[in-house]
Amino acid sequence: MHCVPLPGQGHIDHLLIGPAGIFCVRTVPGRRQRAVIGDLLLTVGRTEPRPDPRWIRRAAAYAAAALSAKVTPALAVVDASRVETAPTVRDIRILQPPTATPTLAASPTTLKPPEIDSLFARARDTTTWLHLTDRSPAGV
């Protein structure tokens, strides 16, 4: 799914639901520059650091609350000359175009087809996301 609304928080760029699980993906343009991903901030080239890692963790927590399932946060860095990730970033999946599909395909199967269908149907239902703040996890 694309452009999933989060009330008061913007939108989730992509929500992937498949055998490897649920991934909440934020797309970041690399602009043919070096991207540095830390625990709290992401910097592309010489621009000001952005809170994308914090944002995607929070969005994944909201999605997990809405869908009542585990959701893995992911950053998709597109067109960067180089991507550097801090060794402490273990909870966010970092995806890049050449390796995204093989990485996700090689992930262990965690969802069965009936679960995928059920979660996809729930995610497509707009009412799932309307009252999200009522079901958000504590501290998020």
C-alpha atoms as a PDB file:
ATOM      1  CA  MET A   1       0.000   0.000   0.000  1.00  0.00           C
ATOM      2  CA  HIS A   2       1.113   3.540  -0.623  1.00  0.00           C
ATOM      3  CA  CYS A   3       0.512   6.826   1.189  1.00  0.00           C
ATOM      4  CA  VAL A   4      -1.219   5.431   4.306  1.00  0.00           C
ATOM      5  CA  PRO A   5      -2.580   8.350   6.399  1.00  0.00           C
ATOM      6  CA  LEU A   6      -1.558   8.778  10.013  1.00  0.00           C
ATOM      7  CA  PRO A   7      -3.858  11.284  11.738  1.00  0.00           C
ATOM      8  CA  GLY A   8      -1.781  14.291  12.778  1.00  0.00           C
ATOM      9  CA  GLN A   9       1.467  12.570  11.762  1.00  0.00           C
ATOM     10  CA  GLY A  10       1.543  12.791   7.947  1.00  0.00           C
ATOM     11  CA  HIS A  11       1.522   9.528   6.032  1.00  0.00           C
ATOM     12  CA  ILE A  12       3.415   6.269   5.736  1.00  0.00           C
ATOM     13  CA  ASP A  13       5.086   6.201   2.309  1.00  0.00           C
ATOM     14  CA  HIS A  14       4.685   2.449   1.852  1.00  0.00           C
ATOM     15  CA  LEU A  15       3.262  -0.416   3.893  1.00  0.00           C
ATOM     16  CA  LEU A  16       4.503  -3.806   2.694  1.00  0.00           C
ATOM     17  CA  ILE A  17       2.530  -6.853   3.822  1.00  0.00           C
ATOM     18  CA  GLY A  18       3.802 -10.256   2.768  1.00  0.00           C
ATOM     19  CA  PRO A  19       5.285 -13.564   3.896  1.00  0.00           C
ATOM     20  CA  ALA A  20       8.300 -11.788   5.456  1.00  0.00           C
ATOM     21  CA  GLY A  21       6.002  -9.702   7.687  1.00  0.00           C
ATOM     22  CA  ILE A  22       4.825  -6.102   7.696  1.00  0.00           C
ATOM     23  CA  PHE A  23       7.244  -3.303   6.839  1.00  0.00           C
ATOM     24  CA  CYS A  24       6.536   0.375   7.367  1.00  0.00           C
ATOM     25  CA  VAL A  25       8.742   2.142   4.793  1.00  0.00           C
ATOM     26  CA  ARG A  26       9.834   5.769   4.608  1.00  0.00           C
ATOM     27  CA  THR A  27      11.463   6.729   1.302  1.00  0.00           C
ATOM     28  CA  VAL A  28      14.445   9.071   1.469  1.00  0.00           C
ATOM     29  CA  PRO A  29      15.977  10.660  -1.667  1.00  0.00           C
ATOM     30  CA  GLY A  30      19.761  10.236  -1.646  1.00  0.00           C
ATOM     31  CA  ARG A  31      20.394  12.853  -4.348  1.00  0.00           C
ATOM     32  CA  ARG A  32      23.599  11.057  -5.387  1.00  0.00           C
ATOM     33  CA  GLN A  33      25.202  12.037  -2.098  1.00  0.00           C
ATOM     34  CA  ARG A  34      26.346  10.181   0.994  1.00  0.00           C
ATOM     35  CA  ALA A  35      23.564   9.278   3.423  1.00  0.00           C
ATOM     36  CA  VAL A  36      24.415   8.719   7.080  1.00  0.00           C
ATOM     37  CA  ILE A  37      21.820   6.949   9.220  1.00  0.00           C
ATOM     38  CA  GLY A  38      22.115   7.192  12.990  1.00  0.00           C
ATOM     39  CA  ASP A  39      19.834   6.124  15.818  1.00  0.00           C
ATOM     40  CA  LEU A  40      17.981   9.437  15.852  1.00  0.00           C
ATOM     41  CA  LEU A  41      18.869  11.361  12.705  1.00  0.00           C
ATOM     42  CA  LEU A  42      19.552  10.885   9.003  1.00  0.00           C
ATOM     43  CA  THR A  43      21.819  13.202   7.027  1.00  0.00           C
ATOM     44  CA  VAL A  44      22.019  13.353   3.234  1.00  0.00           C
ATOM     45  CA  GLY A  45      25.046  15.211   1.931  1.00  0.00           C
ATOM     46  CA  ARG A  46      25.492  18.535   3.695  1.00  0.00           C
ATOM     47  CA  THR A  47      21.830  19.127   4.469  1.00  0.00           C
ATOM     48  CA  GLU A  48      20.514  19.536   7.989  1.00  0.00           C
ATOM     49  CA  PRO A  49      19.988  16.196   9.772  1.00  0.00           C
ATOM     50  CA  ARG A  50      16.389  14.974   9.689  1.00  0.00           C
ATOM     51  CA  PRO A  51      14.587  12.857  12.316  1.00  0.00           C
ATOM     52  CA  ASP A  52      13.600  10.119   9.824  1.00  0.00           C
ATOM     53  CA  PRO A  53      14.797   7.187  11.999  1.00  0.00           C
ATOM     54  CA  ARG A  54      12.711   8.417  14.944  1.00  0.00           C
ATOM     55  CA  TRP A  55       9.735   9.131  12.692  1.00  0.00           C
ATOM     56  CA  ILE A  56       9.720   5.684  11.063  1.00  0.00           C
ATOM     57  CA  ARG A  57       9.962   3.942  14.443  1.00  0.00           C
ATOM     58  CA  ARG A  58       6.974   5.948  15.677  1.00  0.00           C
ATOM     59  CA  ALA A  59       4.997   5.304  12.451  1.00  0.00           C
ATOM     60  CA  ALA A  60       5.715   1.559  12.708  1.00  0.00           C
ATOM     61  CA  ALA A  61       4.503   1.586  16.319  1.00  0.00           C
ATOM     62  CA  TYR A  62       1.267   3.302  15.232  1.00  0.00           C
ATOM     63  CA  ALA A  63       0.804   0.802  12.397  1.00  0.00           C
ATOM     64  CA  ALA A  64       1.431  -2.086  14.795  1.00  0.00           C
ATOM     65  CA  ALA A  65      -1.236  -0.710  17.133  1.00  0.00           C
ATOM     66  CA  ALA A  66      -3.709  -0.241  14.263  1.00  0.00           C
ATOM     67  CA  LEU A  67      -3.130  -3.681  12.754  1.00  0.00           C
ATOM     68  CA  SER A  68      -2.502  -5.554  16.024  1.00  0.00           C
ATOM     69  CA  ALA A  69       0.597  -7.125  14.511  1.00  0.00           C
ATOM     70  CA  LYS A  70       4.365  -6.675  14.559  1.00  0.00           C
ATOM     71  CA  VAL A  71       5.519  -4.003  12.095  1.00  0.00           C
ATOM     72  CA  THR A  72       9.187  -3.510  11.176  1.00  0.00           C
ATOM     73  CA  PRO A  73      10.351   0.052  10.460  1.00  0.00           C
ATOM     74  CA  ALA A  74      12.356   0.502   7.244  1.00  0.00           C
ATOM     75  CA  LEU A  75      14.141   3.352   5.488  1.00  0.00           C
ATOM     76  CA  ALA A  76      14.439   3.110   1.702  1.00  0.00           C
ATOM     77  CA  VAL A  77      17.379   5.257   0.617  1.00  0.00           C
ATOM     78  CA  VAL A  78      17.084   5.929  -3.108  1.00  0.00           C
ATOM     79  CA  ASP A  79      19.889   7.133  -5.390  1.00  0.00           C
ATOM     80  CA  ALA A  80      22.544   7.725  -2.714  1.00  0.00           C
ATOM     81  CA  SER A  81      26.202   7.489  -3.692  1.00  0.00           C
ATOM     82  CA  ARG A  82      26.923   5.719  -0.398  1.00  0.00           C
ATOM     83  CA  VAL A  83      24.877   4.728   2.643  1.00  0.00           C
ATOM     84  CA  GLU A  84      26.497   4.547   6.059  1.00  0.00           C
ATOM     85  CA  THR A  85      24.536   3.133   8.972  1.00  0.00           C
ATOM     86  CA  ALA A  86      25.543   3.402  12.618  1.00  0.00           C
ATOM     87  CA  PRO A  87      26.203  -0.055  14.096  1.00  0.00           C
ATOM     88  CA  THR A  88      23.647   0.650  16.819  1.00  0.00           C
ATOM     89  CA  VAL A  89      20.780   0.882  14.286  1.00  0.00           C
ATOM     90  CA  ARG A  90      19.488  -2.668  14.525  1.00  0.00           C
ATOM     91  CA  ASP A  91      15.730  -2.217  14.648  1.00  0.00           C
ATOM     92  CA  ILE A  92      15.332  -0.375  11.329  1.00  0.00           C
ATOM     93  CA  ARG A  93      15.662  -2.262   8.052  1.00  0.00           C
ATOM     94  CA  ILE A  94      17.727  -0.223   5.566  1.00  0.00           C
ATOM     95  CA  LEU A  95      16.665  -0.808   1.955  1.00  0.00           C
ATOM     96  CA  GLN A  96      18.392   0.302  -1.238  1.00  0.00           C
ATOM     97  CA  PRO A  97      17.045  -0.278  -4.764  1.00  0.00           C
ATOM     98  CA  PRO A  98      19.608  -2.864  -5.941  1.00  0.00           C
ATOM     99  CA  THR A  99      19.258  -5.026  -2.824  1.00  0.00           C
ATOM    100  CA  ALA A 100      15.730  -4.330  -1.518  1.00  0.00           C
ATOM    101  CA  THR A 101      13.924  -7.135  -3.342  1.00  0.00           C
ATOM    102  CA  PRO A 102      16.541  -9.847  -2.652  1.00  0.00           C
ATOM    103  CA  THR A 103      16.783  -8.751   0.994  1.00  0.00           C
ATOM    104  CA  LEU A 104      13.034  -8.965   1.550  1.00  0.00           C
ATOM    105  CA  ALA A 105      12.727 -12.196  -0.457  1.00  0.00           C
ATOM    106  CA  ALA A 106      15.446 -13.816   1.667  1.00  0.00           C
ATOM    107  CA  SER A 107      13.720 -12.850   4.926  1.00  0.00           C
ATOM    108  CA  PRO A 108      12.241 -15.751   6.865  1.00  0.00           C
ATOM    109  CA  THR A 109       8.515 -16.382   6.439  1.00  0.00           C
ATOM    110  CA  THR A 110       6.532 -15.092   9.408  1.00  0.00           C
ATOM    111  CA  LEU A 111       3.038 -14.732   7.936  1.00  0.00           C
ATOM    112  CA  LYS A 112       0.883 -17.351   6.256  1.00  0.00           C
ATOM    113  CA  PRO A 113      -1.368 -16.488   3.259  1.00  0.00           C
ATOM    114  CA  PRO A 114      -4.604 -16.221   5.321  1.00  0.00           C
ATOM    115  CA  GLU A 115      -2.868 -13.843   7.769  1.00  0.00           C
ATOM    116  CA  ILE A 116      -1.532 -11.734   4.881  1.00  0.00           C
ATOM    117  CA  ASP A 117      -5.012 -11.477   3.343  1.00  0.00           C
ATOM    118  CA  SER A 118      -6.579 -10.527   6.668  1.00  0.00           C
ATOM    119  CA  LEU A 119      -3.938  -7.892   7.474  1.00  0.00           C
ATOM    120  CA  PHE A 120      -4.116  -6.449   3.956  1.00  0.00           C
ATOM    121  CA  ALA A 121      -7.904  -6.166   4.174  1.00  0.00           C
ATOM    122  CA  ARG A 122      -7.626  -4.448   7.561  1.00  0.00           C
ATOM    123  CA  ALA A 123      -4.931  -2.071   6.250  1.00  0.00           C
ATOM    124  CA  ARG A 124      -7.063  -1.144   3.209  1.00  0.00           C
ATOM    125  CA  ASP A 125     -10.025  -0.289   5.434  1.00  0.00           C
ATOM    126  CA  THR A 126      -9.803   3.472   6.022  1.00  0.00           C
ATOM    127  CA  THR A 127     -11.493   3.188   9.414  1.00  0.00           C
ATOM    128  CA  THR A 128      -8.407   1.290  10.641  1.00  0.00           C
ATOM    129  CA  TRP A 129      -6.403   4.520  10.430  1.00  0.00           C
ATOM    130  CA  LEU A 130      -9.076   7.089  11.381  1.00  0.00           C
ATOM    131  CA  HIS A 131      -9.025   6.613  15.131  1.00  0.00           C
ATOM    132  CA  LEU A 132      -5.384   5.655  15.354  1.00  0.00           C
ATOM    133  CA  THR A 133      -4.561   8.069  18.200  1.00  0.00           C
ATOM    134  CA  ASP A 134      -7.065   6.215  20.416  1.00  0.00           C
ATOM    135  CA  ARG A 135      -5.103   2.969  19.985  1.00  0.00           C
ATOM    136  CA  SER A 136      -1.553   4.310  19.840  1.00  0.00           C
ATOM    137  CA  PRO A 137       0.991   2.645  22.100  1.00  0.00           C
ATOM    138  CA  ALA A 138       1.925   4.437  25.311  1.00  0.00           C
ATOM    139  CA  GLY A 139       4.833   6.837  24.955  1.00  0.00           C
ATOM    140  CA  VAL A 140       4.543   7.103  21.177  1.00  0.00           C
END
